[in-house]
C-alpha atoms as a PDB file:
ATOM      1  CA  MET A   1     -15.964  -5.802  10.640  1.00  0.00           C
ATOM      2  CA  SER A   2     -16.104  -9.100   8.190  1.00  0.00           C
ATOM      3  CA  ASN A   3     -12.961  -9.801   6.003  1.00  0.00           C
ATOM      4  CA  ALA A   4     -15.699 -10.249   3.291  1.00  0.00           C
ATOM      5  CA  LEU A   5     -15.942  -7.597   0.933  1.00  0.00           C
ATOM      6  CA  PRO A   6     -18.199  -7.237  -2.075  1.00  0.00           C
ATOM      7  CA  SER A   7     -16.331  -8.273  -5.630  1.00  0.00           C
ATOM      8  CA  GLY A   8     -15.090  -4.968  -7.204  1.00  0.00           C
ATOM      9  CA  GLY A   9     -15.449  -6.944 -10.697  1.00  0.00           C
ATOM     10  CA  ALA A  10     -11.839  -7.028 -11.310  1.00  0.00           C
ATOM     11  CA  PRO A  11      -9.475  -9.570 -11.064  1.00  0.00           C
ATOM     12  CA  VAL A  12      -8.295 -10.848  -8.061  1.00  0.00           C
ATOM     13  CA  LEU A  13      -4.569 -11.279  -7.408  1.00  0.00           C
ATOM     14  CA  ILE A  14      -3.148 -13.947  -5.440  1.00  0.00           C
ATOM     15  CA  PRO A  15      -2.879 -13.184  -1.954  1.00  0.00           C
ATOM     16  CA  HIS A  16       0.938 -12.763  -0.441  1.00  0.00           C
ATOM     17  CA  TRP A  17       2.643 -12.127   2.339  1.00  0.00           C
ATOM     18  CA  GLU A  18       4.811  -8.624   2.640  1.00  0.00           C
ATOM     19  CA  TRP A  19       7.359  -7.516   4.966  1.00  0.00           C
ATOM     20  CA  ARG A  20       8.311  -3.886   4.884  1.00  0.00           C
ATOM     21  CA  THR A  21      10.777  -1.517   6.735  1.00  0.00           C
ATOM     22  CA  PHE A  22      11.096   2.154   5.880  1.00  0.00           C
ATOM     23  CA  ALA A  23      14.284   4.148   6.250  1.00  0.00           C
ATOM     24  CA  THR A  24      16.463   1.729   4.466  1.00  0.00           C
ATOM     25  CA  SER A  25      19.949   1.667   4.346  1.00  0.00           C
ATOM     26  CA  GLY A  26      22.559   2.030   1.441  1.00  0.00           C
ATOM     27  CA  ASP A  27      24.163  -1.209   2.646  1.00  0.00           C
ATOM     28  CA  CYS A  28      21.122  -2.982   1.987  1.00  0.00           C
ATOM     29  CA  VAL A  29      20.583  -1.995  -1.638  1.00  0.00           C
ATOM     30  CA  ARG A  30      24.443  -3.001  -1.926  1.00  0.00           C
ATOM     31  CA  THR A  31      23.499  -6.238  -1.000  1.00  0.00           C
ATOM     32  CA  LEU A  32      20.729  -7.001  -2.694  1.00  0.00           C
ATOM     33  CA  GLU A  33      22.870  -5.779  -6.042  1.00  0.00           C
ATOM     34  CA  ASP A  34      25.398  -8.305  -4.829  1.00  0.00           C
ATOM     35  CA  LEU A  35      23.123 -11.413  -3.988  1.00  0.00           C
ATOM     36  CA  GLY A  36      20.076 -10.861  -6.320  1.00  0.00           C
ATOM     37  CA  THR A  37      18.916 -10.749  -9.863  1.00  0.00           C
ATOM     38  CA  ARG A  38      17.799  -7.206 -10.935  1.00  0.00           C
ATOM     39  CA  LEU A  39      14.432  -7.164 -12.483  1.00  0.00           C
ATOM     40  CA  GLY A  40      14.329  -3.456 -13.259  1.00  0.00           C
ATOM     41  CA  THR A  41      13.304   0.138 -12.150  1.00  0.00           C
ATOM     42  CA  SER A  42      10.060   2.092 -12.433  1.00  0.00           C
ATOM     43  CA  ASP A  43       9.356   5.645 -11.910  1.00  0.00           C
ATOM     44  CA  ARG A  44       5.675   6.571 -10.996  1.00  0.00           C
ATOM     45  CA  ARG A  45       3.296   9.180  -9.642  1.00  0.00           C
ATOM     46  CA  GLU A  46       0.186   7.799  -7.943  1.00  0.00           C
ATOM     47  CA  ILE A  47      -2.049   9.374  -5.114  1.00  0.00           C
ATOM     48  CA  SER A  48      -2.815   7.665  -1.522  1.00  0.00           C
ATOM     49  CA  LEU A  49      -5.548   7.595   0.222  1.00  0.00           C
ATOM     50  CA  ILE A  50      -5.051   7.305   4.152  1.00  0.00           C
ATOM     51  CA  CYS A  51      -8.069   6.695   6.368  1.00  0.00           C
ATOM     52  CA  THR A  52      -6.768   7.496  10.103  1.00  0.00           C
ATOM     53  CA  THR A  53      -8.616   4.797  11.607  1.00  0.00           C
ATOM     54  CA  SER A  54      -8.158   1.885   8.854  1.00  0.00           C
ATOM     55  CA  SER A  55      -4.864  -0.219   8.065  1.00  0.00           C
ATOM     56  CA  HIS A  56      -5.736  -0.739   4.400  1.00  0.00           C
ATOM     57  CA  ASP A  57      -3.923   0.423   1.333  1.00  0.00           C
ATOM     58  CA  VAL A  58      -5.727   2.409  -1.126  1.00  0.00           C
ATOM     59  CA  THR A  59      -3.927   3.691  -4.312  1.00  0.00           C
ATOM     60  CA  ILE A  60      -5.448   5.425  -7.187  1.00  0.00           C
ATOM     61  CA  ARG A  61      -2.964   5.237 -10.360  1.00  0.00           C
ATOM     62  CA  ASP A  62      -3.561   6.305 -13.826  1.00  0.00           C
ATOM     63  CA  GLY A  63      -7.042   7.117 -13.159  1.00  0.00           C
ATOM     64  CA  ARG A  64      -7.715   3.516 -11.594  1.00  0.00           C
ATOM     65  CA  MET A  65      -8.136   3.016  -7.891  1.00  0.00           C
ATOM     66  CA  ALA A  66      -7.253   0.099  -6.056  1.00  0.00           C
ATOM     67  CA  LEU A  67      -7.684  -1.454  -2.682  1.00  0.00           C
ATOM     68  CA  LYS A  68      -5.953  -3.889  -0.922  1.00  0.00           C
ATOM     69  CA  TRP A  69      -7.110  -5.915   2.309  1.00  0.00           C
ATOM     70  CA  ARG A  70      -4.682  -6.639   5.321  1.00  0.00           C
ATOM     71  CA  LYS A  71      -6.165  -9.901   5.735  1.00  0.00           C
ATOM     72  CA  GLN A  72      -3.664 -11.540   8.310  1.00  0.00           C
ATOM     73  CA  VAL A  73      -0.578 -10.942  10.611  1.00  0.00           C
ATOM     74  CA  ARG A  74       1.691 -13.287  11.482  1.00  0.00           C
ATOM     75  CA  PRO A  75       4.011 -13.148  15.086  1.00  0.00           C
ATOM     76  CA  GLU A  76       6.914 -11.909  13.220  1.00  0.00           C
ATOM     77  CA  GLY A  77       5.243  -8.845  11.202  1.00  0.00           C
ATOM     78  CA  LEU A  78       4.767 -10.377   8.234  1.00  0.00           C
ATOM     79  CA  GLU A  79       1.391  -9.130   6.595  1.00  0.00           C
ATOM     80  CA  ARG A  80      -0.891 -11.185   4.111  1.00  0.00           C
ATOM     81  CA  TRP A  81      -2.748  -8.487   1.670  1.00  0.00           C
ATOM     82  CA  ASP A  82      -5.149  -9.621  -0.975  1.00  0.00           C
ATOM     83  CA  SER A  83      -6.699  -6.849  -3.710  1.00  0.00           C
ATOM     84  CA  VAL A  84     -10.465  -6.749  -3.202  1.00  0.00           C
ATOM     85  CA  LEU A  85     -11.399  -3.551  -4.962  1.00  0.00           C
ATOM     86  CA  ASP A  86      -9.916  -2.123  -8.136  1.00  0.00           C
ATOM     87  CA  PHE A  87     -12.085   0.252 -10.669  1.00  0.00           C
ATOM     88  CA  THR A  88     -11.325   3.021 -13.001  1.00  0.00           C
ATOM     89  CA  PHE A  89     -13.039   6.436 -12.933  1.00  0.00           C
ATOM     90  CA  PRO A  90     -15.760   7.455 -13.528  1.00  0.00           C
ATOM     91  CA  CYS A  91     -17.267   5.439 -11.340  1.00  0.00           C
ATOM     92  CA  GLY A  92     -20.859   4.677  -9.389  1.00  0.00           C
ATOM     93  CA  ARG A  93     -21.670   5.638  -6.040  1.00  0.00           C
ATOM     94  CA  GLU A  94     -22.619   2.172  -4.978  1.00  0.00           C
ATOM     95  CA  THR A  95     -18.834   1.404  -5.653  1.00  0.00           C
ATOM     96  CA  LEU A  96     -17.429   4.120  -3.727  1.00  0.00           C
ATOM     97  CA  GLN A  97     -19.907   3.306  -0.976  1.00  0.00           C
ATOM     98  CA  ARG A  98     -18.176  -0.110  -1.039  1.00  0.00           C
ATOM     99  CA  LEU A  99     -14.742   1.596  -0.347  1.00  0.00           C
ATOM    100  CA  PHE A 100     -15.949   3.104   3.191  1.00  0.00           C
ATOM    101  CA  GLU A 101     -17.569  -0.081   4.180  1.00  0.00           C
ATOM    102  CA  ALA A 102     -13.749  -1.281   3.771  1.00  0.00           C
ATOM    103  CA  TRP A 103     -12.766   1.457   5.791  1.00  0.00           C
ATOM    104  CA  ASP A 104     -15.305   0.995   8.337  1.00  0.00           C
ATOM    105  CA  ILE A 105     -15.886   5.054   8.446  1.00  0.00           C
ATOM    106  CA  PRO A 106     -19.209   6.930   8.041  1.00  0.00           C
ATOM    107  CA  SER A 107     -20.257   7.236   4.460  1.00  0.00           C
ATOM    108  CA  PRO A 108     -20.659  11.190   3.558  1.00  0.00           C
ATOM    109  CA  GLY A 109     -23.195  10.687   1.697  1.00  0.00           C
ATOM    110  CA  PHE A 110     -23.024  10.750  -2.236  1.00  0.00           C
ATOM    111  CA  SER A 111     -25.144  13.697  -3.848  1.00  0.00           C
ATOM    112  CA  GLN A 112     -23.990  12.389  -7.331  1.00  0.00           C
ATOM    113  CA  PRO A 113     -25.148   9.037  -9.255  1.00  0.00           C
ATOM    114  CA  LEU A 114     -21.194   8.915 -11.178  1.00  0.00           C
ATOM    115  CA  TYR A 115     -17.895  10.606  -9.784  1.00  0.00           C
ATOM    116  CA  THR A 116     -14.771  11.593 -12.064  1.00  0.00           C
ATOM    117  CA  MET A 117     -11.571  11.466 -10.165  1.00  0.00           C
ATOM    118  CA  GLN A 118     -11.059  14.881  -9.507  1.00  0.00           C
ATOM    119  CA  THR A 119     -14.754  15.276  -8.336  1.00  0.00           C
ATOM    120  CA  PHE A 120     -14.138  12.080  -5.878  1.00  0.00           C
ATOM    121  CA  LEU A 121     -11.115  13.787  -4.170  1.00  0.00           C
ATOM    122  CA  GLU A 122     -12.296  17.459  -4.076  1.00  0.00           C
ATOM    123  CA  GLU A 123     -15.776  17.179  -2.780  1.00  0.00           C
ATOM    124  CA  ILE A 124     -15.577  13.667  -1.052  1.00  0.00           C
ATOM    125  CA  VAL A 125     -12.055  12.898   0.617  1.00  0.00           C
ATOM    126  CA  HIS A 126     -10.759  16.727   1.085  1.00  0.00           C
ATOM    127  CA  ASN A 127     -14.001  17.376   3.074  1.00  0.00           C
ATOM    128  CA  HIS A 128     -13.828  14.075   5.045  1.00  0.00           C
ATOM    129  CA  PRO A 129     -12.248  14.592   8.757  1.00  0.00           C
ATOM    130  CA  GLY A 130     -10.973  10.912   8.508  1.00  0.00           C
ATOM    131  CA  LEU A 131      -9.278  10.823   5.194  1.00  0.00           C
ATOM    132  CA  ARG A 132      -5.726  12.411   4.100  1.00  0.00           C
ATOM    133  CA  MET A 133      -4.818  12.515   0.423  1.00  0.00           C
ATOM    134  CA  VAL A 134      -0.800  11.898  -0.286  1.00  0.00           C
ATOM    135  CA  THR A 135       0.554  12.834  -3.669  1.00  0.00           C
ATOM    136  CA  VAL A 136       3.337  10.215  -4.103  1.00  0.00           C
ATOM    137  CA  GLU A 137       6.308  10.023  -6.552  1.00  0.00           C
ATOM    138  CA  LYS A 138       8.269   6.713  -6.459  1.00  0.00           C
ATOM    139  CA  TYR A 139      11.434   5.530  -7.937  1.00  0.00           C
ATOM    140  CA  ALA A 140      11.691   1.839  -7.318  1.00  0.00           C
ATOM    141  CA  GLU A 141      13.991  -0.738  -7.914  1.00  0.00           C
ATOM    142  CA  SER A 142      13.547  -4.966  -7.890  1.00  0.00           C
ATOM    143  CA  TYR A 143      15.134  -7.723  -7.416  1.00  0.00           C
ATOM    144  CA  SER A 144      14.493 -11.144  -7.258  1.00  0.00           C
ATOM    145  CA  LEU A 145      16.198 -12.836  -4.160  1.00  0.00           C
ATOM    146  CA  GLU A 146      15.987 -16.557  -3.146  1.00  0.00           C
ATOM    147  CA  GLY A 147      12.610 -16.681  -5.094  1.00  0.00           C
ATOM    148  CA  THR A 148      11.143 -13.665  -3.129  1.00  0.00           C
ATOM    149  CA  ARG A 149      10.810 -10.386  -4.861  1.00  0.00           C
ATOM    150  CA  CYS A 150      12.341  -7.395  -3.283  1.00  0.00           C
ATOM    151  CA  GLU A 151      11.588  -3.740  -4.039  1.00  0.00           C
ATOM    152  CA  TRP A 152      13.755  -0.902  -2.711  1.00  0.00           C
ATOM    153  CA  THR A 153      11.688   2.563  -3.142  1.00  0.00           C
ATOM    154  CA  ARG A 154      12.886   6.171  -2.937  1.00  0.00           C
ATOM    155  CA  LEU A 155       9.311   8.344  -2.006  1.00  0.00           C
ATOM    156  CA  VAL A 156       8.401  11.728  -2.037  1.00  0.00           C
ATOM    157  CA  ALA A 157       5.058  11.962  -0.244  1.00  0.00           C
ATOM    158  CA  ASN A 158       3.796  15.256   0.070  1.00  0.00           C
ATOM    159  CA  GLN A 159       6.940  16.718  -0.365  1.00  0.00           C
ATOM    160  CA  THR A 160       8.461  14.212   2.346  1.00  0.00           C
ATOM    161  CA  HIS A 161      11.461  12.137   1.205  1.00  0.00           C
ATOM    162  CA  CYS A 162      11.653   8.661   2.904  1.00  0.00           C
ATOM    163  CA  GLU A 163      12.655   5.135   1.407  1.00  0.00           C
ATOM    164  CA  CYS A 164      11.345   1.591   2.288  1.00  0.00           C
ATOM    165  CA  LEU A 165      12.257  -1.896   1.607  1.00  0.00           C
ATOM    166  CA  CYS A 166       9.616  -4.372   0.829  1.00  0.00           C
ATOM    167  CA  ILE A 167       9.973  -8.456   0.461  1.00  0.00           C
ATOM    168  CA  GLU A 168       6.806 -10.151  -0.973  1.00  0.00           C
ATOM    169  CA  HIS A 169       6.220 -14.033  -1.807  1.00  0.00           C
ATOM    170  CA  GLU A 170       3.186 -16.285  -1.183  1.00  0.00           C
ATOM    171  CA  ASP A 171       5.580 -18.353   1.359  1.00  0.00           C
ATOM    172  CA  PRO A 172       6.346 -16.383   4.536  1.00  0.00           C
ATOM    173  CA  GLY A 173       9.088 -18.590   5.258  1.00  0.00           C
ATOM    174  CA  LEU A 174      11.138 -17.609   2.275  1.00  0.00           C
ATOM    175  CA  ILE A 175      10.478 -13.994   3.159  1.00  0.00           C
ATOM    176  CA  LEU A 176      11.720 -15.048   6.702  1.00  0.00           C
ATOM    177  CA  GLN A 177      14.757 -16.305   5.073  1.00  0.00           C
ATOM    178  CA  VAL A 178      15.381 -13.404   2.707  1.00  0.00           C
ATOM    179  CA  VAL A 179      15.273 -10.928   5.740  1.00  0.00           C
ATOM    180  CA  ARG A 180      17.678 -13.194   8.046  1.00  0.00           C
ATOM    181  CA  CYS A 181      20.134 -13.070   4.661  1.00  0.00           C
ATOM    182  CA  LEU A 182      20.000  -9.362   4.464  1.00  0.00           C
ATOM    183  CA  GLY A 183      20.658  -9.065   7.903  1.00  0.00           C
ATOM    184  CA  LEU A 184      17.434  -7.215   8.709  1.00  0.00           C
ATOM    185  CA  GLN A 185      16.001  -9.262  11.487  1.00  0.00           C
ATOM    186  CA  ALA A 186      15.883  -6.220  14.378  1.00  0.00           C
ATOM    187  CA  ARG A 187      14.363  -3.950  11.729  1.00  0.00           C
ATOM    188  CA  PRO A 188      10.981  -2.819  12.565  1.00  0.00           C
ATOM    189  CA  HIS A 189       8.152  -3.859  10.085  1.00  0.00           C
ATOM    190  CA  ALA A 190       5.617  -1.468   8.891  1.00  0.00           C
ATOM    191  CA  SER A 191       2.807  -1.631   6.402  1.00  0.00           C
ATOM    192  CA  TYR A 192       2.914   0.812   3.362  1.00  0.00           C
ATOM    193  CA  PRO A 193       0.106   3.014   4.251  1.00  0.00           C
ATOM    194  CA  THR A 194       1.356   2.836   8.496  1.00  0.00           C
ATOM    195  CA  GLY A 195       4.803   3.637   7.032  1.00  0.00           C
ATOM    196  CA  LEU A 196       3.367   7.028   5.137  1.00  0.00           C
ATOM    197  CA  LYS A 197       1.552   7.780   8.616  1.00  0.00           C
ATOM    198  CA  ALA A 198       4.676   8.135  10.645  1.00  0.00           C
ATOM    199  CA  ALA A 199       6.906   9.731   7.776  1.00  0.00           C
ATOM    200  CA  LEU A 200       3.874  12.503   7.517  1.00  0.00           C
ATOM    201  CA  GLN A 201       3.154  12.356  11.252  1.00  0.00           C
ATOM    202  CA  LEU A 202      -0.297  11.514  10.790  1.00  0.00           C
ATOM    203  CA  ASP A 203      -2.278  11.695  14.002  1.00  0.00           C
ATOM    204  CA  THR A 204      -3.723   8.327  13.564  1.00  0.00           C
ATOM    205  CA  GLN A 205      -5.248   5.305  15.462  1.00  0.00           C
ATOM    206  CA  HIS A 206      -3.483   2.558  13.221  1.00  0.00           C
END
């Protein structure tokens, strides 16, 4: 499938690289506190839509749905992400059709011209065999280290507890430098949707 997607009509963020690992240790967080600059904390609730055959990241938060597209993967495991769809509910079926094109899965057929979030989740997502809805509660602590943004997050995803650390920047070299600084070279990399799939033991192809 082509990497190009129709615009969702929302501002597009600057593509960035991410390195992420799940099941982090307390030592890593203490190192961030010692070496980095604390940026703040956040608590939020959101819904992740997991497609069993896609690597894309789809999140619903505060009535707004966004899709991040994994455009590139480096040999070291770093991933380059780009926000390509961003819209609010209620939304038209043409917009939702673009979401299914991004997932590259069959469209269920939309009987209504306009969908609220609840209707979309109950009638479309719940009944689609390739989709899973995951309710997520997040507590995140953010730090700046060597110019990168580091976010350590505690997650409760469908009542399953897990933790992850994400390091992001436009320059992949800076990210790798921070990974070495934190002593995480041997840690396995996993994107956010991949990590959720593993934590929830979903039977997937990605």
